[in-house]
Protein backbone atom coordinates (compact mmCIF):
# COMPACT_ATOMS: atom_id res chain seq x y z
CA MET A 1 54.83 70.69 113.23
CA SER A 2 53.74 68.48 109.72
CA GLN A 3 50.12 70.11 109.83
CA GLU A 4 50.93 73.21 110.58
CA LEU A 5 53.05 73.29 107.02
CA ASN A 6 50.45 72.00 105.10
CA VAL A 7 49.16 75.72 105.59
CA MET A 8 51.70 77.19 103.55
CA GLU A 9 51.49 74.62 100.72
CA PRO A 10 49.41 76.26 98.80
CA VAL A 11 51.83 78.95 98.10
CA ALA A 12 55.05 77.15 98.31
CA GLY A 13 57.48 77.53 95.29
CA ARG A 14 59.85 75.24 93.35
CA ALA A 15 61.95 73.42 95.58
CA ARG A 16 65.65 75.43 95.30
CA PRO A 17 68.57 73.90 96.75
CA LYS A 18 69.12 75.22 100.47
CA GLY A 19 70.56 78.17 100.74
CA TRP A 20 70.30 79.23 97.41
CA GLY A 21 68.19 82.75 98.12
CA ARG A 22 71.57 83.60 100.38
CA TRP A 23 73.53 83.10 97.15
CA ARG A 24 71.45 85.25 95.40
CA LEU A 25 71.59 87.97 97.24
CA LEU A 26 75.09 87.72 97.63
CA THR A 27 75.88 87.50 93.84
CA LEU A 28 73.41 90.61 93.30
CA LEU A 29 75.22 92.32 96.01
CA MET A 30 78.23 91.81 94.17
CA ALA A 31 77.27 92.96 90.95
CA VAL A 32 75.93 96.46 91.74
CA LEU A 33 79.35 96.98 93.62
CA VAL A 34 81.36 95.76 90.55
CA SER A 35 79.19 98.00 88.09
CA LEU A 36 79.57 100.94 90.05
CA ALA A 37 82.91 100.83 90.22
CA GLY A 38 83.16 100.22 86.58
CA LEU A 39 80.81 102.79 85.94
CA ARG A 40 83.07 105.31 88.77
CA VAL A 41 86.72 104.49 86.18
CA ILE A 42 84.71 105.48 83.26
CA THR A 43 82.69 108.40 84.58
CA GLY A 44 85.51 109.28 87.08
CA GLN A 45 82.55 110.53 89.33
CA ASP A 46 84.19 109.22 92.82
CA MET A 47 81.10 110.25 94.76
CA LEU A 48 79.34 106.61 93.52
CA THR A 49 81.44 104.57 95.81
CA ASP A 50 83.74 106.47 98.28
CA ALA A 51 83.06 106.37 102.10
CA GLY A 52 81.18 109.50 102.54
CA THR A 53 78.90 108.28 99.88
CA VAL A 54 78.33 105.15 102.26
CA ARG A 55 77.54 106.51 105.19
CA THR A 56 74.92 109.13 103.85
CA THR A 57 73.20 106.02 101.95
CA LEU A 58 73.25 104.30 105.38
CA THR A 59 71.62 107.28 107.11
CA PHE A 60 68.81 107.56 104.18
CA ALA A 61 67.84 104.17 104.18
CA VAL A 62 67.68 102.82 108.05
CA PRO A 63 64.24 104.66 108.23
CA ILE A 64 62.63 103.49 105.45
CA GLY A 65 63.99 99.79 106.06
CA LEU A 66 63.00 99.99 109.50
CA ALA A 67 59.81 101.16 107.73
CA ALA A 68 59.76 98.51 105.74
CA LEU A 69 60.19 96.20 107.93
CA GLY A 70 57.81 97.05 109.98
CA GLY A 71 55.51 96.65 106.63
CA LEU A 72 56.91 93.31 106.59
CA TRP A 73 55.15 92.12 109.89
CA ALA A 74 52.47 93.43 109.58
CA GLU A 75 51.60 92.19 105.83
CA ARG A 76 52.59 88.87 106.68
CA ALA A 77 50.09 88.25 109.00
CA GLY A 78 47.57 89.53 106.37
CA ILE A 79 47.56 93.36 107.90
CA ILE A 80 47.90 96.24 105.41
CA ASN A 81 49.33 99.04 107.27
CA ILE A 82 49.72 102.08 105.34
CA GLY A 83 49.61 103.82 108.87
CA LEU A 84 53.79 103.63 109.45
CA GLU A 85 54.00 107.27 107.80
CA GLY A 86 51.87 108.02 110.83
CA MET A 87 53.68 105.62 113.69
CA MET A 88 56.78 106.98 112.24
CA ILE A 89 55.45 110.56 113.21
CA PHE A 90 54.37 108.88 116.98
CA GLY A 91 57.98 108.30 116.96
CA THR A 92 60.38 111.04 116.15
CA TRP A 93 57.79 113.41 118.67
CA PHE A 94 58.31 110.92 122.03
CA GLY A 95 61.96 109.73 120.99
CA ALA A 96 62.85 113.37 120.47
CA TYR A 97 60.77 114.58 123.42
CA PHE A 98 62.50 111.94 126.11
CA ALA A 99 65.96 112.19 124.87
CA TRP A 100 65.50 115.47 125.39
CA SER A 101 63.65 115.38 128.71
CA PHE A 102 65.55 112.79 130.14
CA ASP A 103 69.12 113.99 128.32
CA ASN A 104 69.00 110.23 127.19
CA PRO A 105 68.98 108.84 123.78
CA TRP A 106 68.22 105.68 125.31
CA ILE A 107 65.32 106.46 126.53
CA GLY A 108 64.23 108.34 123.61
CA LEU A 109 64.23 104.91 121.81
CA LEU A 110 62.55 103.32 123.94
CA ALA A 111 59.85 105.99 124.08
CA GLY A 112 59.95 106.08 120.19
CA THR A 113 59.48 102.58 119.96
CA LEU A 114 56.54 102.43 121.99
CA GLY A 115 54.59 105.59 120.62
CA GLY A 116 55.00 103.51 117.17
CA MET A 117 54.06 100.75 119.14
CA PHE A 118 50.73 102.89 119.91
CA GLY A 119 50.78 103.56 116.87
CA GLY A 120 50.10 100.01 116.10
CA LEU A 121 47.63 99.16 118.98
CA MET A 122 45.49 101.67 117.23
CA HIS A 123 45.29 99.88 113.96
CA ALA A 124 45.33 95.83 114.84
CA VAL A 125 42.05 97.57 117.40
CA ALA A 126 40.59 99.27 113.84
CA THR A 127 41.41 96.14 111.35
CA VAL A 128 41.18 93.05 113.38
CA THR A 129 39.16 93.16 115.64
CA PHE A 130 36.39 96.04 114.75
CA ALA A 131 37.15 94.61 110.98
CA VAL A 132 37.40 98.27 109.97
CA ASP A 133 38.85 98.68 105.98
CA HIS A 134 43.33 98.35 106.85
CA ILE A 135 43.56 101.59 104.20
CA VAL A 136 41.04 103.53 105.86
CA SER A 137 42.68 102.56 109.09
CA GLY A 138 46.15 103.22 107.82
CA VAL A 139 45.52 106.54 106.93
CA ALA A 140 43.71 107.59 110.03
CA ILE A 141 46.42 107.07 112.00
CA ASN A 142 48.51 109.29 109.65
CA ILE A 143 45.90 112.34 110.32
CA LEU A 144 45.97 111.51 113.55
CA ALA A 145 49.10 111.48 114.54
CA LEU A 146 50.35 114.86 112.51
CA GLY A 147 47.82 117.07 114.00
CA ALA A 148 48.27 114.88 117.40
CA MET A 149 51.69 116.10 117.30
CA ARG A 150 51.17 119.26 116.11
CA TYR A 151 49.23 119.85 118.90
CA LEU A 152 51.56 117.91 121.81
CA SER A 153 54.33 120.00 119.94
CA ILE A 154 51.96 123.60 121.64
CA LEU A 155 51.01 122.24 124.64
CA VAL A 156 55.04 122.07 125.54
CA TYR A 157 57.19 123.73 123.70
CA ALA A 158 55.46 126.78 123.44
CA ASP A 159 57.72 128.34 126.67
CA ILE A 160 60.96 126.60 125.73
CA PRO A 161 63.98 128.79 123.43
CA GLY A 162 64.80 127.25 120.37
CA ALA A 163 61.43 124.78 120.33
CA GLY A 164 57.84 125.64 119.07
CA ALA A 165 54.68 123.95 117.56
CA ALA A 166 57.40 122.46 114.82
CA GLN A 167 59.75 121.24 116.52
CA SER A 168 61.83 120.37 119.57
CA PRO A 169 64.43 121.29 121.26
CA PRO A 170 68.03 119.20 120.40
CA ALA A 171 67.83 115.46 121.22
CA PRO A 172 71.29 114.32 122.51
CA SER A 173 72.88 111.67 120.35
CA PHE A 174 73.81 108.04 120.38
CA PRO A 175 77.18 106.73 120.98
CA THR A 176 79.25 106.22 117.62
CA LEU A 177 81.07 103.47 116.46
CA ASN A 178 84.30 102.78 114.70
CA VAL A 179 86.93 100.36 114.36
CA PRO A 180 90.32 101.92 115.68
CA TRP A 181 92.62 101.07 113.28
CA LEU A 182 90.72 99.27 109.80
CA PRO A 183 90.37 103.15 108.13
CA GLU A 184 93.65 104.18 108.96
CA ALA A 185 95.26 101.15 107.09
CA LEU A 186 92.51 101.41 104.38
CA THR A 187 92.49 105.01 103.38
CA PRO A 188 95.31 104.80 100.69
CA VAL A 189 93.65 101.76 99.67
CA ALA A 190 90.48 103.57 98.54
CA GLN A 191 92.17 106.73 97.64
CA SER A 192 94.47 104.36 94.75
CA GLY A 193 91.04 104.83 92.15
CA VAL A 194 91.94 101.22 91.51
CA PHE A 195 89.17 98.90 89.88
CA LEU A 196 87.36 97.43 92.47
CA VAL A 197 89.79 97.07 95.29
CA SER A 198 89.94 100.82 96.28
CA ASP A 199 85.96 100.78 95.55
CA VAL A 200 85.37 97.81 98.56
CA ALA A 201 88.23 99.35 100.47
CA ALA A 202 85.64 102.74 100.64
CA LEU A 203 82.95 100.26 101.66
CA ILE A 204 84.61 99.09 104.63
CA ILE A 205 85.19 102.54 105.70
CA GLY A 206 82.01 104.24 105.43
CA LEU A 207 80.69 101.30 107.40
CA THR A 208 83.52 101.14 109.70
CA THR A 209 83.56 104.83 110.64
CA ARG A 210 80.88 107.41 112.43
CA MET A 211 78.02 104.87 112.77
CA SER A 212 75.81 105.38 114.74
CA ALA A 213 74.74 102.80 117.63
CA LEU A 214 71.29 102.89 116.34
CA THR A 215 72.26 102.85 113.01
CA LEU A 216 74.08 99.02 113.80
CA ILE A 217 70.49 97.92 115.87
CA ALA A 218 68.90 98.75 112.28
CA ILE A 219 70.98 96.52 110.50
CA LEU A 220 70.56 93.51 113.08
CA MET A 221 66.68 93.87 113.03
CA ILE A 222 67.49 92.88 109.08
CA PRO A 223 68.56 89.44 109.84
CA LEU A 224 66.70 88.68 113.22
CA SER A 225 63.66 89.37 111.80
CA TYR A 226 64.37 86.38 108.65
CA LEU A 227 65.28 84.47 111.53
CA VAL A 228 61.75 84.84 113.72
CA LEU A 229 60.10 84.41 110.73
CA TRP A 230 61.36 81.75 108.46
CA LYS A 231 63.42 79.86 111.11
CA THR A 232 61.13 79.61 113.84
CA THR A 233 57.39 77.55 114.55
CA PHE A 234 56.22 81.36 116.15
CA GLY A 235 57.48 82.88 112.57
CA LEU A 236 55.75 80.00 110.92
CA ARG A 237 52.60 80.36 112.45
CA LEU A 238 52.40 84.20 112.04
CA ARG A 239 53.12 84.22 107.97
CA SER A 240 50.34 81.15 107.84
CA VAL A 241 48.01 83.83 109.12
CA GLY A 242 48.46 85.77 106.43
CA GLU A 243 48.34 83.36 103.82
CA ASN A 244 44.94 81.37 104.94
CA PRO A 245 43.53 82.16 108.22
CA ASP A 246 41.00 79.49 107.84
CA ALA A 247 43.21 76.62 107.60
CA ALA A 248 45.44 78.20 110.12
CA GLU A 249 42.86 78.42 113.00
CA SER A 250 41.43 75.19 112.14
CA LEU A 251 45.03 73.58 113.37
CA GLY A 252 44.61 76.13 116.99
CA VAL A 253 46.65 79.27 115.43
CA PRO A 254 45.66 82.06 117.63
CA VAL A 255 44.88 83.64 114.73
CA TYR A 256 43.69 87.30 116.17
CA THR A 257 46.49 87.31 118.97
CA LEU A 258 49.40 86.29 115.83
CA LYS A 259 47.61 89.56 114.64
CA TYR A 260 47.87 91.40 117.43
CA VAL A 261 51.57 90.73 118.30
CA ALA A 262 52.90 91.53 114.35
CA VAL A 263 51.26 94.81 113.82
CA LEU A 264 52.64 95.34 117.40
CA ILE A 265 55.91 95.06 115.77
CA SER A 266 54.98 96.46 112.45
CA GLY A 267 54.55 100.16 114.47
CA GLY A 268 57.08 99.27 116.85
CA LEU A 269 59.79 99.00 113.69
CA ALA A 270 57.86 102.00 112.19
CA GLY A 271 58.59 104.16 115.52
CA MET A 272 62.16 102.79 115.64
CA GLY A 273 62.66 104.43 112.31
CA GLY A 274 60.92 107.66 113.29
CA VAL A 275 63.46 108.21 116.44
CA PHE A 276 66.44 107.69 113.88
CA LEU A 277 65.05 110.68 111.99
CA ALA A 278 65.07 112.49 115.16
CA ILE A 279 67.85 111.77 117.14
CA VAL A 280 70.53 109.96 114.72
CA ALA A 281 69.58 112.40 111.12
CA SER A 282 69.27 115.19 112.54
CA GLN A 283 69.11 115.44 116.93
CA ILE A 284 66.13 117.70 116.74
CA TYR A 285 62.49 116.81 115.77
CA GLN A 286 60.91 119.15 113.08
CA GLU A 287 57.17 118.81 111.85
CA GLY A 288 56.58 117.08 108.65
CA GLN A 289 60.41 115.61 108.85
CA THR A 290 59.47 111.73 108.29
CA GLY A 291 58.75 112.75 104.42
CA GLY A 292 56.74 110.09 103.64
CA ARG A 293 59.28 107.96 104.17
CA GLY A 294 56.70 104.96 105.33
CA TYR A 295 54.92 105.04 102.49
CA ILE A 296 58.45 104.91 99.99
CA GLY A 297 58.86 102.11 103.34
CA LEU A 298 55.91 99.94 101.68
CA ALA A 299 57.57 100.44 97.76
CA ALA A 300 60.42 99.22 99.75
CA MET A 301 59.16 96.15 100.57
CA ILE A 302 57.45 95.53 97.81
CA PHE A 303 60.06 95.73 96.02
CA GLY A 304 61.66 93.14 98.28
CA ASN A 305 58.74 90.82 97.50
CA TRP A 306 58.22 90.86 101.61
CA ARG A 307 61.51 89.56 101.95
CA PRO A 308 64.20 90.92 104.61
CA GLY A 309 66.94 90.75 102.37
CA GLY A 310 65.09 92.14 99.47
CA LEU A 311 63.29 95.02 100.88
CA ALA A 312 66.77 95.71 102.77
CA MET A 313 67.95 96.38 99.21
CA GLY A 314 65.02 98.52 98.39
CA ALA A 315 66.19 100.85 101.44
CA GLY A 316 69.92 100.58 100.02
CA LEU A 317 69.01 101.52 96.02
CA PHE A 318 66.64 104.05 97.59
CA GLY A 319 68.93 105.55 100.23
CA TYR A 320 72.15 105.20 97.69
CA THR A 321 70.01 107.73 94.75
CA ASP A 322 69.17 110.29 97.34
CA ALA A 323 72.74 110.16 99.41
CA LEU A 324 74.37 110.65 95.38
CA GLN A 325 71.91 113.64 94.40
CA VAL A 326 72.60 115.01 97.98
CA ARG A 327 76.44 114.39 97.59
CA GLY A 328 76.90 114.82 94.24
CA GLY A 329 74.49 117.13 92.60
CA GLY A 330 73.41 116.56 88.85
CA ALA A 331 76.83 115.42 87.66
CA ALA A 332 76.57 112.10 90.02
CA ILE A 333 73.46 111.36 89.64
CA HIS A 334 73.74 111.94 85.61
CA ALA A 335 76.72 108.92 85.62
CA LEU A 336 73.71 106.65 86.93
CA LEU A 337 71.65 107.20 83.22
CA LEU A 338 74.36 105.59 81.54
CA LEU A 339 74.17 102.00 84.20
CA LEU A 340 70.69 102.71 83.94
CA ALA A 341 70.96 102.46 79.86
CA VAL A 342 72.76 99.21 79.79
CA VAL A 343 70.40 97.57 82.94
CA LEU A 344 67.43 98.34 80.27
CA LEU A 345 69.37 96.75 77.53
CA VAL A 346 70.36 93.61 79.67
CA VAL A 347 66.91 93.56 80.05
CA ALA A 348 65.73 93.43 76.64
CA VAL A 349 67.72 91.10 75.64
CA TRP A 350 66.15 88.50 78.63
CA GLN A 351 62.45 89.85 77.28
CA VAL A 352 63.66 88.52 73.41
CA ARG A 353 64.76 84.97 74.85
CA LYS A 354 61.11 84.56 77.08
CA ASP A 355 59.35 85.47 73.76
CA ARG A 356 58.35 88.43 74.74
CA LYS A 357 59.08 90.94 72.09
CA GLY A 358 56.83 94.07 73.55
CA LEU A 359 58.65 94.48 76.55
CA ALA A 360 61.56 93.98 74.92
CA VAL A 361 60.78 96.90 72.11
CA ALA A 362 60.15 99.17 75.00
CA GLY A 363 63.46 98.48 76.88
CA ALA A 364 65.70 98.84 74.17
CA LEU A 365 63.93 102.06 73.04
CA ALA A 366 64.38 103.47 76.45
CA ALA A 367 67.85 102.29 76.70
CA ILE A 368 68.92 104.04 73.91
CA VAL A 369 66.87 107.40 74.77
CA LEU A 370 68.55 107.29 77.99
CA LEU A 371 72.01 107.17 76.27
CA PHE A 372 71.27 109.78 73.66
CA TRP A 373 70.80 112.17 76.79
CA TYR A 374 74.00 110.93 78.25
CA PHE A 375 76.39 111.57 75.55
CA THR A 376 74.18 114.87 74.84
CA THR A 377 74.22 116.64 78.48
CA ASP A 378 76.74 116.44 81.38
CA SER A 379 74.92 117.10 84.72
CA LEU A 380 71.20 116.16 85.02
CA PRO A 381 68.94 119.60 86.50
CA ARG A 382 68.71 119.74 89.56
CA GLU A 383 65.05 119.82 90.27
CA LEU A 384 64.97 116.54 88.28
CA ALA A 385 68.36 115.12 90.46
CA THR A 386 65.80 115.72 93.78
CA TYR A 387 62.87 113.42 92.64
CA SER A 388 65.71 110.99 91.62
CA PRO A 389 65.74 108.05 94.38
CA HIS A 390 61.81 108.31 93.88
CA ILE A 391 61.79 107.90 90.09
CA ALA A 392 64.27 104.97 90.72
CA THR A 393 62.15 103.06 92.58
CA LEU A 394 59.23 103.14 90.77
CA LEU A 395 61.56 102.17 87.79
CA VAL A 396 62.39 99.16 89.92
CA LEU A 397 59.40 98.45 90.71
CA SER A 398 57.48 98.47 87.61
CA LEU A 399 60.74 95.68 86.08
CA ALA A 400 60.55 93.81 89.26
CA SER A 401 56.47 93.85 89.15
CA GLN A 402 55.97 90.25 87.64
CA ARG A 403 57.64 88.37 90.22
CA LEU A 404 56.11 89.66 92.88
CA ARG A 405 53.94 87.64 95.11
CA ALA A 406 51.83 89.60 98.08
CA PRO A 407 51.12 86.76 101.37
CA ALA A 408 47.72 85.18 100.23
CA GLY A 409 45.55 86.83 103.01
CA VAL A 410 46.92 90.30 102.93
CA GLY A 411 44.19 92.95 103.20
CA ARG A 412 41.54 90.43 104.20
CA GLN A 413 39.04 91.14 107.51
CA TRP A 414 38.87 87.91 108.83
CA ARG A 415 36.48 86.73 110.73
CA ALA A 416 37.49 83.70 113.30
CA SER A 417 34.47 81.16 112.59
CA ARG A 418 33.46 80.18 115.61
CA SER A 419 32.33 84.22 116.17
């Protein structure tokens, strides 16, 4: 075990207290909640923290988070998985078809996950066995999945009423989970409007009512992935393959096998995200319903610095801004301009302390522009509000880019020294 740890030594950071990462994550989440609660009080936009927004955020964030987890597993083993979008498409089609055929969403979940794993297997064969460029293989899978699923839809759904080349018949939904007494008890508190207290109550209500069973499974995948990848010998070996496959091989680690396993798990998680879109989010397969979420999942993974907790926050950011523009429209997104301006001012002050005057000036000017925009308008145009999730993701990625570090061996076309 000590020898295996040496594989990771070249990329190890400075020692931190035990549990430091968890406390930092919890502190950040609390800071976000306090900021949104204060913004709600200042702007009067109750949509910012109400229970409906929380539920809608989960609906938008879960498929992105599952795609991001898929990307994490693959890239921690050194494989770039641009094919997540195609693997999600496999998941949507096979999940909806088998759920409809057997009138059972759990069979659909199994089929969709296996469909995503099939896409992962194709990617693994191409990149691991035949050393095809990872990007080329991923793009090919995305194109193949789109065309193949349309062909299967024409073949299977042509004579079925309500279905066709672009959609399936309605699929049965997963059971929903509700805590029987807590929402009723907290509803008066949530409606009181008291700073932070009502916001926490609304958050709890949103997380304990009408939650799909698949949503709960997806949430549990985040700590499970962390435990497997960071707290087990298997996870250590898999991460060593993504950092330094030559050193891992010299210690007897089965590099090819672990890369295959990682990409299969990656495809399965992406397929599960596709099942969520087809059965939970819409209860029907529709052509194009992934909507680029595989690519957005990769962005969330990068935002999260290739860590499960961080990518969950990235998926949550996209899901929240998307939910807000759907529920609150341009007025709700307009309120976020004020919060963003304050964040940029804080970043500018921090850059001054780091003696980065150019970045500080740029951040301060951007904050002034946003403040002027906020105080001279009442709402954002609908077209701009629709793209606010993408804008928020790009902005956060640009702010966090200096602290990101990908696995050292990611994207490398590796061959065993014995071959």
